[in-house]
Amino acid sequence: MHTHTFPSILVPASLVLLAEKTAVLGGRLYLVGGAVRDHLLGIKPKDWDLELHGIPPEKVQLICKTASPVGKSYGVWKVQIQNEQESIELDISIPIVSDKIEPYIGLEQATLRRDLTINAIYYDLLSQEFLDPFGGINDLQNKVLKSPCSTNISKDPLRVFRVARFASVFSFTPCSDLILSGQSLSQEQLNFIAGERITMELNKIFLKSPAPSKGFKWLKQLKVMERLFPEWNIDPCFNALDKGAAVKIPYPQKLTLMWSIALSHTPTKHQESILDQCFLHTIERYPMRTFVFKSSSVWKKLELPCSDKELFLLAEELELRLLCLLADSFNATAAQTNLSKAIELGVEQNPLPALLQGRHFQKSGIHGKAIGEGLRELRKAQFEGKVRTFTDAQNWLTEYSSNL
């Protein structure tokens, strides 16, 4: 066990209070996982995961009355702390060995089940010491990904996607043992991974990594991509993914952009099967799937400067801003020019507004199917720049109805 002293982690006061209550009962409460790792990387921790040692499950609520078990066999308790100073949600876990809760096995044995050594560093909330059973701090400094146990990936094959995420988010290099472990996974083991869990990890790669290509290259090195997604032609998209990762737009559009880039060189029928496999349809009601399907066949139109009419027509189908960003990720020459023009025309996020409705045509004596035909003709006039305002549309309708 390596013990280190680094600048202490600024934790909520309520966590220290929980640790003090644990100590009174004869146990120890440690901060572990992402919060410790991020602190050592100079990143402000966001989530608080605690691991409880030396206290049996039946005494957890003596430490925190609001602790709620997540299934009796999982060894995890959800905790909500709300007071005048803090509002916190966190997890408290007790080590598990062979599906059995084992509160007395010690840190080294408990750490063996963790995916990576960089996520297996403990922080003692009372002594403020960093406890490092498997050299995770050294691996952080060397930017290397290792597992505390050689069988961890075979026990939970989802971890190949977690390794891909950490490799791309932190630009770390997986060690040779991890590569061998991943390559040795059987097709049956890969097929057992839930599609929703895969999607969660891929989304994190898309949203959190400055270089998503690194994660996908790792998955290809393990032959995971070709075994789980044989039709996915992602190689031509690597540079574009890394460029798209730097784009700052709202979450639904950003994730839609990244999936669109990743699937842009894959035929539509295979795009559909991949999105089905990942259970992806919409993202917070944004029509992600529709955009992926349509954009892959039209984004190349933005390689050259478009006319107003061409942009108006594209805006009828897709969000132009996103389409231009997709084209720009592949270094389409005129993508930014077309985006600037779309903004000038007011159609970067929505199509041209409809200036008249069916009731306006009825008032002019036009009824039935003729209304639909009239609306289509008016739309054409808008696209051609002949009609720009409501007054223009009224004048157009007057002339149109007189010629019927």
Protein backbone atom coordinates (compact mmCIF):
# COMPACT_ATOMS: atom_id res chain seq x y z
CA MET A 1 0.00 0.00 0.00
CA HIS A 2 1.43 3.37 -1.06
CA THR A 3 0.51 6.37 1.07
CA HIS A 4 0.88 9.87 -0.36
CA THR A 5 0.34 13.38 0.88
CA PHE A 6 -0.91 15.84 -1.74
CA PRO A 7 -2.96 19.01 -1.41
CA SER A 8 -6.18 17.94 0.29
CA ILE A 9 -9.46 17.61 -1.58
CA LEU A 10 -12.00 20.31 -0.82
CA VAL A 11 -14.96 18.13 0.09
CA PRO A 12 -18.38 19.12 1.44
CA ALA A 13 -18.41 19.36 5.23
CA SER A 14 -21.17 16.76 5.40
CA LEU A 15 -18.81 14.11 3.97
CA VAL A 16 -16.32 14.71 6.77
CA LEU A 17 -19.18 14.45 9.26
CA LEU A 18 -20.16 11.06 7.81
CA ALA A 19 -16.54 9.92 8.10
CA GLU A 20 -16.44 11.01 11.75
CA LYS A 21 -19.64 9.07 12.52
CA THR A 22 -18.13 6.03 10.78
CA ALA A 23 -14.97 6.25 12.88
CA VAL A 24 -17.01 6.39 16.10
CA LEU A 25 -18.64 3.10 15.05
CA GLY A 26 -15.24 1.54 14.39
CA GLY A 27 -15.15 1.83 10.59
CA ARG A 28 -13.58 4.01 7.93
CA LEU A 29 -15.17 5.98 5.10
CA TYR A 30 -13.08 6.77 2.03
CA LEU A 31 -13.58 8.91 -1.04
CA VAL A 32 -12.71 6.84 -4.12
CA GLY A 33 -13.01 6.82 -7.89
CA GLY A 34 -13.48 9.77 -10.20
CA ALA A 35 -13.37 12.51 -7.56
CA VAL A 36 -9.92 11.44 -6.36
CA ARG A 37 -8.62 10.89 -9.89
CA ASP A 38 -9.89 14.25 -11.11
CA HIS A 39 -8.43 16.10 -8.13
CA LEU A 40 -5.00 14.62 -8.83
CA LEU A 41 -5.35 15.67 -12.47
CA GLY A 42 -6.18 19.22 -11.44
CA ILE A 43 -9.86 18.88 -12.34
CA LYS A 44 -12.55 19.99 -9.90
CA PRO A 45 -14.44 16.90 -8.66
CA LYS A 46 -18.12 16.73 -9.58
CA ASP A 47 -19.35 13.48 -8.05
CA TRP A 48 -18.73 11.99 -4.62
CA ASP A 49 -18.43 8.20 -4.39
CA LEU A 50 -17.70 6.85 -0.93
CA GLU A 51 -16.57 3.37 0.09
CA LEU A 52 -17.35 2.10 3.58
CA HIS A 53 -15.05 -0.32 5.42
CA GLY A 54 -15.46 -2.04 8.77
CA ILE A 55 -19.22 -1.43 9.07
CA PRO A 56 -21.84 -4.12 8.29
CA PRO A 57 -24.79 -3.26 6.02
CA GLU A 58 -27.31 -3.16 8.86
CA LYS A 59 -25.45 -0.24 10.46
CA VAL A 60 -25.23 2.01 7.39
CA GLN A 61 -28.26 4.01 8.46
CA LEU A 62 -26.60 4.73 11.79
CA ILE A 63 -24.12 6.76 9.78
CA CYS A 64 -26.72 8.40 7.56
CA LYS A 65 -30.44 8.09 8.21
CA THR A 66 -31.35 8.97 4.61
CA ALA A 67 -29.25 6.13 3.13
CA SER A 68 -31.41 4.03 0.82
CA PRO A 69 -30.16 0.62 -0.42
CA VAL A 70 -30.07 0.00 -4.18
CA GLY A 71 -30.97 -3.67 -4.08
CA LYS A 72 -29.80 -5.57 -1.02
CA SER A 73 -27.16 -7.57 -2.92
CA TYR A 74 -25.43 -4.62 -4.64
CA GLY A 75 -23.80 -3.12 -1.58
CA VAL A 76 -24.70 0.42 -2.66
CA TRP A 77 -26.71 3.04 -0.77
CA LYS A 78 -28.03 6.27 -2.27
CA VAL A 79 -27.70 9.25 0.05
CA GLN A 80 -29.29 12.67 -0.18
CA ILE A 81 -28.01 15.42 2.08
CA GLN A 82 -29.89 18.68 2.23
CA ASN A 83 -29.30 21.50 4.66
CA GLU A 84 -28.82 25.24 4.60
CA GLN A 85 -25.25 24.92 3.32
CA GLU A 86 -25.39 21.91 0.99
CA SER A 87 -27.56 19.84 -1.31
CA ILE A 88 -25.72 16.66 -2.26
CA GLU A 89 -26.52 13.30 -3.81
CA LEU A 90 -23.90 10.59 -3.40
CA ASP A 91 -23.32 6.84 -3.29
CA ILE A 92 -21.92 4.87 -0.38
CA SER A 93 -20.76 1.36 -1.25
CA ILE A 94 -19.44 -1.59 0.74
CA PRO A 95 -16.96 -3.92 -1.02
CA ILE A 96 -18.38 -6.98 -2.72
CA VAL A 97 -16.55 -10.26 -3.38
CA SER A 98 -18.22 -13.03 -5.40
CA ASP A 99 -21.58 -11.25 -5.14
CA LYS A 100 -21.33 -11.12 -1.37
CA ILE A 101 -21.00 -7.94 0.69
CA GLU A 102 -17.65 -8.02 2.51
CA PRO A 103 -17.09 -4.96 4.73
CA TYR A 104 -13.88 -6.28 6.34
CA ILE A 105 -11.71 -7.37 3.39
CA GLY A 106 -9.46 -4.30 3.38
CA LEU A 107 -8.54 -1.80 0.69
CA GLU A 108 -6.29 -3.98 -1.46
CA GLN A 109 -8.86 -6.74 -1.90
CA ALA A 110 -11.64 -4.21 -2.42
CA THR A 111 -9.62 -2.42 -5.09
CA LEU A 112 -9.17 -5.55 -7.20
CA ARG A 113 -12.71 -5.20 -8.55
CA ARG A 114 -12.18 -1.67 -9.89
CA ASP A 115 -11.74 -1.17 -13.61
CA LEU A 116 -8.51 0.85 -13.62
CA THR A 117 -5.75 1.71 -11.17
CA ILE A 118 -6.38 5.43 -11.74
CA ASN A 119 -9.89 4.88 -10.38
CA ALA A 120 -8.64 2.82 -7.44
CA ILE A 121 -7.01 5.56 -5.36
CA TYR A 122 -8.54 6.20 -1.94
CA TYR A 123 -8.71 9.47 -0.04
CA ASP A 124 -9.06 9.23 3.73
CA LEU A 125 -11.56 11.94 4.64
CA LEU A 126 -10.15 12.25 8.17
CA SER A 127 -6.37 11.94 7.75
CA GLN A 128 -6.49 13.57 4.27
CA GLU A 129 -4.03 10.94 3.01
CA PHE A 130 -4.14 9.34 -0.45
CA LEU A 131 -3.98 5.54 -0.28
CA ASP A 132 -2.86 3.84 -3.48
CA PRO A 133 -2.87 0.01 -3.40
CA PHE A 134 -1.90 -0.54 -7.05
CA GLY A 135 0.17 2.44 -8.16
CA GLY A 136 -2.64 4.45 -9.70
CA ILE A 137 -0.93 7.77 -8.90
CA ASN A 138 2.17 6.67 -10.79
CA ASP A 139 -0.03 5.62 -13.72
CA LEU A 140 -1.70 9.04 -13.69
CA GLN A 141 1.69 10.70 -13.87
CA ASN A 142 2.81 8.41 -16.71
CA LYS A 143 -0.54 8.69 -18.54
CA VAL A 144 -0.96 4.92 -18.62
CA LEU A 145 -4.14 2.87 -18.19
CA LYS A 146 -3.79 -0.36 -16.22
CA SER A 147 -6.18 -2.67 -14.42
CA PRO A 148 -5.69 -3.80 -10.80
CA CYS A 149 -6.61 -7.33 -11.88
CA SER A 150 -5.96 -9.08 -15.20
CA THR A 151 -9.44 -10.66 -15.26
CA ASN A 152 -11.44 -7.45 -14.75
CA ILE A 153 -12.29 -6.91 -18.42
CA SER A 154 -13.38 -10.52 -18.97
CA LYS A 155 -15.63 -10.25 -15.91
CA ASP A 156 -17.24 -7.07 -17.23
CA PRO A 157 -16.69 -6.60 -21.00
CA LEU A 158 -18.29 -3.13 -20.89
CA ARG A 159 -14.97 -2.02 -19.47
CA VAL A 160 -13.40 -2.02 -22.94
CA PHE A 161 -15.64 0.97 -23.68
CA ARG A 162 -14.73 2.61 -20.38
CA VAL A 163 -11.05 2.18 -21.23
CA ALA A 164 -11.75 3.72 -24.64
CA ARG A 165 -13.39 6.67 -22.90
CA PHE A 166 -10.51 7.29 -20.52
CA ALA A 167 -7.96 6.84 -23.31
CA SER A 168 -9.67 9.53 -25.36
CA VAL A 169 -10.75 11.91 -22.58
CA PHE A 170 -7.35 12.01 -20.86
CA SER A 171 -5.17 11.01 -23.84
CA PHE A 172 -3.80 8.07 -21.84
CA THR A 173 -2.31 4.91 -23.35
CA PRO A 174 -3.73 1.48 -22.43
CA CYS A 175 -1.05 -0.97 -21.33
CA SER A 176 -0.31 -4.19 -23.24
CA ASP A 177 -2.15 -6.32 -20.66
CA LEU A 178 -5.35 -4.34 -21.24
CA ILE A 179 -4.98 -4.78 -24.99
CA LEU A 180 -4.56 -8.55 -24.62
CA SER A 181 -7.53 -8.73 -22.23
CA GLY A 182 -9.74 -6.85 -24.66
CA GLN A 183 -8.64 -8.85 -27.69
CA SER A 184 -9.33 -12.10 -25.85
CA LEU A 185 -13.01 -11.29 -25.31
CA SER A 186 -15.26 -13.72 -27.14
CA GLN A 187 -18.06 -12.70 -29.46
CA GLU A 188 -20.51 -14.03 -26.88
CA GLN A 189 -19.02 -11.78 -24.19
CA LEU A 190 -19.25 -8.73 -26.45
CA ASN A 191 -22.82 -9.53 -27.45
CA PHE A 192 -23.75 -9.70 -23.77
CA ILE A 193 -23.00 -5.98 -23.27
CA ALA A 194 -26.25 -4.01 -23.07
CA GLY A 195 -26.68 -1.60 -25.97
CA GLU A 196 -27.78 1.19 -23.64
CA ARG A 197 -24.55 0.88 -21.63
CA ILE A 198 -22.46 1.01 -24.80
CA THR A 199 -24.33 4.14 -25.86
CA MET A 200 -23.65 5.82 -22.52
CA GLU A 201 -19.92 5.28 -22.94
CA LEU A 202 -19.87 6.34 -26.60
CA ASN A 203 -21.83 9.49 -25.72
CA LYS A 204 -19.25 10.33 -23.05
CA ILE A 205 -16.48 9.88 -25.62
CA PHE A 206 -18.32 12.21 -28.01
CA LEU A 207 -19.08 14.87 -25.39
CA LYS A 208 -16.13 14.80 -22.99
CA SER A 209 -13.13 13.91 -25.12
CA PRO A 210 -11.02 16.44 -27.03
CA ALA A 211 -10.00 13.58 -29.33
CA PRO A 212 -12.78 10.96 -29.70
CA SER A 213 -10.80 9.27 -32.48
CA LYS A 214 -8.37 7.90 -29.89
CA GLY A 215 -11.15 5.95 -28.18
CA PHE A 216 -12.42 4.47 -31.44
CA LYS A 217 -8.89 3.57 -32.57
CA TRP A 218 -8.49 1.64 -29.31
CA LEU A 219 -11.77 -0.19 -29.91
CA LYS A 220 -10.65 -1.03 -33.45
CA GLN A 221 -7.31 -2.28 -32.13
CA LEU A 222 -9.24 -4.74 -29.98
CA LYS A 223 -11.43 -5.64 -32.98
CA VAL A 224 -14.45 -4.61 -30.91
CA MET A 225 -15.84 -2.32 -33.61
CA GLU A 226 -15.69 -4.92 -36.35
CA ARG A 227 -17.26 -7.57 -34.12
CA LEU A 228 -20.08 -5.45 -32.65
CA PHE A 229 -20.58 -2.97 -35.50
CA PRO A 230 -19.19 -4.64 -38.66
CA GLU A 231 -20.96 -2.21 -41.03
CA TRP A 232 -19.77 0.97 -39.27
CA ASN A 233 -17.26 2.71 -41.55
CA ILE A 234 -15.75 5.10 -39.02
CA ASP A 235 -12.13 5.31 -40.18
CA PRO A 236 -12.70 8.24 -42.61
CA CYS A 237 -14.33 10.17 -39.75
CA PHE A 238 -11.47 10.26 -37.23
CA ASN A 239 -10.12 13.74 -38.00
CA ALA A 240 -13.65 15.14 -38.36
CA LEU A 241 -14.65 13.73 -34.96
CA ASP A 242 -11.73 15.48 -33.29
CA LYS A 243 -12.62 18.75 -35.03
CA GLY A 244 -16.30 18.39 -34.13
CA ALA A 245 -15.39 17.74 -30.49
CA ALA A 246 -14.29 21.37 -30.16
CA VAL A 247 -17.66 22.79 -31.26
CA LYS A 248 -19.61 24.52 -28.47
CA ILE A 249 -23.37 24.11 -29.01
CA PRO A 250 -26.25 22.87 -26.79
CA TYR A 251 -26.22 19.22 -25.69
CA PRO A 252 -28.86 17.71 -28.05
CA GLN A 253 -27.31 19.35 -31.11
CA LYS A 254 -23.74 18.53 -30.04
CA LEU A 255 -24.49 14.85 -29.58
CA THR A 256 -26.43 14.81 -32.85
CA LEU A 257 -23.47 16.44 -34.60
CA MET A 258 -21.01 13.88 -33.24
CA TRP A 259 -23.15 10.88 -34.16
CA SER A 260 -23.75 12.39 -37.60
CA ILE A 261 -20.00 12.77 -38.14
CA ALA A 262 -19.33 9.24 -36.90
CA LEU A 263 -21.96 7.70 -39.20
CA SER A 264 -21.53 10.02 -42.19
CA HIS A 265 -19.60 7.48 -44.28
CA THR A 266 -21.83 4.53 -43.38
CA PRO A 267 -24.74 3.62 -45.73
CA THR A 268 -28.17 4.65 -44.44
CA LYS A 269 -29.44 1.09 -43.98
CA HIS A 270 -26.47 0.35 -41.73
CA GLN A 271 -26.84 3.68 -39.92
CA GLU A 272 -30.31 2.55 -38.95
CA SER A 273 -29.17 -0.82 -37.61
CA ILE A 274 -26.36 0.81 -35.58
CA LEU A 275 -28.73 3.36 -34.05
CA ASP A 276 -31.20 0.57 -33.31
CA GLN A 277 -28.43 -1.39 -31.62
CA CYS A 278 -27.62 1.68 -29.51
CA PHE A 279 -31.31 2.45 -28.78
CA LEU A 280 -30.94 5.97 -30.21
CA HIS A 281 -33.95 7.77 -31.65
CA THR A 282 -34.21 11.32 -30.37
CA ILE A 283 -32.10 13.33 -27.92
CA GLU A 284 -34.25 15.42 -25.60
CA ARG A 285 -36.86 15.48 -28.40
CA TYR A 286 -34.32 16.68 -30.94
CA PRO A 287 -34.81 14.58 -34.14
CA MET A 288 -31.32 13.12 -34.03
CA ARG A 289 -32.01 10.04 -36.14
CA THR A 290 -33.68 12.05 -38.90
CA PHE A 291 -30.72 14.41 -39.03
CA VAL A 292 -28.20 11.54 -39.21
CA PHE A 293 -30.04 9.89 -42.11
CA LYS A 294 -30.60 13.02 -44.17
CA SER A 295 -27.35 14.85 -43.48
CA SER A 296 -25.03 12.13 -44.74
CA SER A 297 -26.41 12.50 -48.26
CA VAL A 298 -26.49 16.32 -48.46
CA TRP A 299 -23.64 17.83 -46.41
CA LYS A 300 -21.27 17.71 -49.39
CA LYS A 301 -23.49 20.27 -51.12
CA LEU A 302 -21.95 22.78 -48.73
CA GLU A 303 -18.47 22.28 -50.17
CA LEU A 304 -19.35 25.06 -52.64
CA PRO A 305 -21.10 28.39 -51.96
CA CYS A 306 -24.88 27.90 -52.07
CA SER A 307 -27.46 30.28 -53.48
CA ASP A 308 -30.16 31.72 -51.24
CA LYS A 309 -32.67 29.32 -52.77
CA GLU A 310 -30.43 26.30 -52.15
CA LEU A 311 -30.05 27.27 -48.50
CA PHE A 312 -33.79 27.86 -48.14
CA LEU A 313 -34.46 24.38 -49.53
CA LEU A 314 -31.90 22.74 -47.23
CA ALA A 315 -33.38 24.57 -44.24
CA GLU A 316 -36.74 22.93 -45.03
CA GLU A 317 -35.18 19.55 -44.27
CA LEU A 318 -32.49 20.08 -41.63
CA GLU A 319 -31.06 22.54 -39.16
CA LEU A 320 -28.62 24.43 -41.38
CA ARG A 321 -26.29 25.45 -38.59
CA LEU A 322 -25.72 21.82 -37.68
CA LEU A 323 -25.37 20.79 -41.31
CA CYS A 324 -22.73 23.48 -41.90
CA LEU A 325 -20.84 22.38 -38.78
CA LEU A 326 -20.94 18.79 -40.03
CA ALA A 327 -19.54 19.89 -43.40
CA ASP A 328 -16.93 22.06 -41.70
CA SER A 329 -15.71 19.13 -39.60
CA PHE A 330 -14.73 17.48 -42.89
CA ASN A 331 -13.09 20.75 -44.00
CA ALA A 332 -15.71 21.54 -46.64
CA THR A 333 -14.35 24.71 -48.24
CA ALA A 334 -17.50 26.81 -48.19
CA ALA A 335 -19.09 25.49 -44.98
CA GLN A 336 -18.43 28.62 -42.92
CA THR A 337 -19.41 30.90 -45.82
CA ASN A 338 -22.71 29.08 -46.15
CA LEU A 339 -23.27 29.26 -42.40
CA SER A 340 -22.71 33.02 -42.40
CA LYS A 341 -25.16 33.38 -45.27
CA ALA A 342 -27.74 31.19 -43.51
CA ILE A 343 -27.46 33.42 -40.43
CA GLU A 344 -27.89 36.50 -42.61
CA LEU A 345 -31.00 34.96 -44.19
CA GLY A 346 -32.35 33.96 -40.76
CA VAL A 347 -32.58 30.24 -41.55
CA GLU A 348 -29.59 28.83 -39.64
CA GLN A 349 -31.82 27.00 -37.15
CA ASN A 350 -35.30 27.07 -38.65
CA PRO A 351 -36.81 27.20 -42.15
CA LEU A 352 -38.31 30.33 -43.62
CA PRO A 353 -41.51 31.16 -41.72
CA ALA A 354 -44.81 30.59 -43.50
CA LEU A 355 -46.22 34.04 -44.27
CA LEU A 356 -49.80 32.96 -45.04
CA GLN A 357 -52.11 30.15 -43.98
CA GLY A 358 -55.03 28.39 -45.60
CA ARG A 359 -57.53 30.84 -44.12
CA HIS A 360 -55.93 33.68 -46.06
CA PHE A 361 -56.52 31.77 -49.29
CA GLN A 362 -60.13 31.05 -48.32
CA LYS A 363 -60.78 34.76 -47.83
CA SER A 364 -59.53 35.26 -51.38
CA GLY A 365 -62.03 32.72 -52.69
CA ILE A 366 -59.66 29.78 -52.97
CA HIS A 367 -60.85 26.47 -51.51
CA GLY A 368 -60.11 22.75 -51.32
CA LYS A 369 -57.04 21.31 -53.01
CA ALA A 370 -56.34 24.66 -54.62
CA ILE A 371 -55.25 25.98 -51.21
CA GLY A 372 -52.43 23.45 -51.00
CA GLU A 373 -51.31 24.27 -54.51
CA GLY A 374 -51.39 27.96 -53.70
CA LEU A 375 -49.33 27.51 -50.55
CA ARG A 376 -46.71 25.57 -52.51
CA GLU A 377 -46.52 28.31 -55.15
CA LEU A 378 -46.16 30.94 -52.44
CA ARG A 379 -43.34 28.92 -50.88
CA LYS A 380 -41.55 28.83 -54.22
CA ALA A 381 -41.89 32.59 -54.47
CA GLN A 382 -40.33 32.92 -51.02
CA PHE A 383 -37.41 30.69 -52.01
CA GLU A 384 -36.84 32.79 -55.13
CA GLY A 385 -36.78 35.97 -53.06
CA LYS A 386 -39.89 37.41 -54.69
CA VAL A 387 -41.84 37.39 -51.41
CA ARG A 388 -40.13 38.44 -48.16
CA THR A 389 -42.76 40.05 -45.92
CA PHE A 390 -46.39 39.55 -44.96
CA THR A 391 -47.33 42.51 -47.15
CA ASP A 392 -45.44 40.95 -50.06
CA ALA A 393 -47.39 37.74 -49.50
CA GLN A 394 -50.74 39.53 -49.45
CA ASN A 395 -49.92 41.31 -52.70
CA TRP A 396 -48.76 38.03 -54.20
CA LEU A 397 -52.03 36.33 -53.15
CA THR A 398 -54.11 39.12 -54.69
CA GLU A 399 -52.37 38.67 -58.02
CA TYR A 400 -52.40 34.87 -57.75
CA SER A 401 -56.15 34.67 -57.03
CA SER A 402 -56.98 37.07 -59.87
CA ASN A 403 -55.24 34.79 -62.35
CA LEU A 404 -57.18 31.66 -61.37
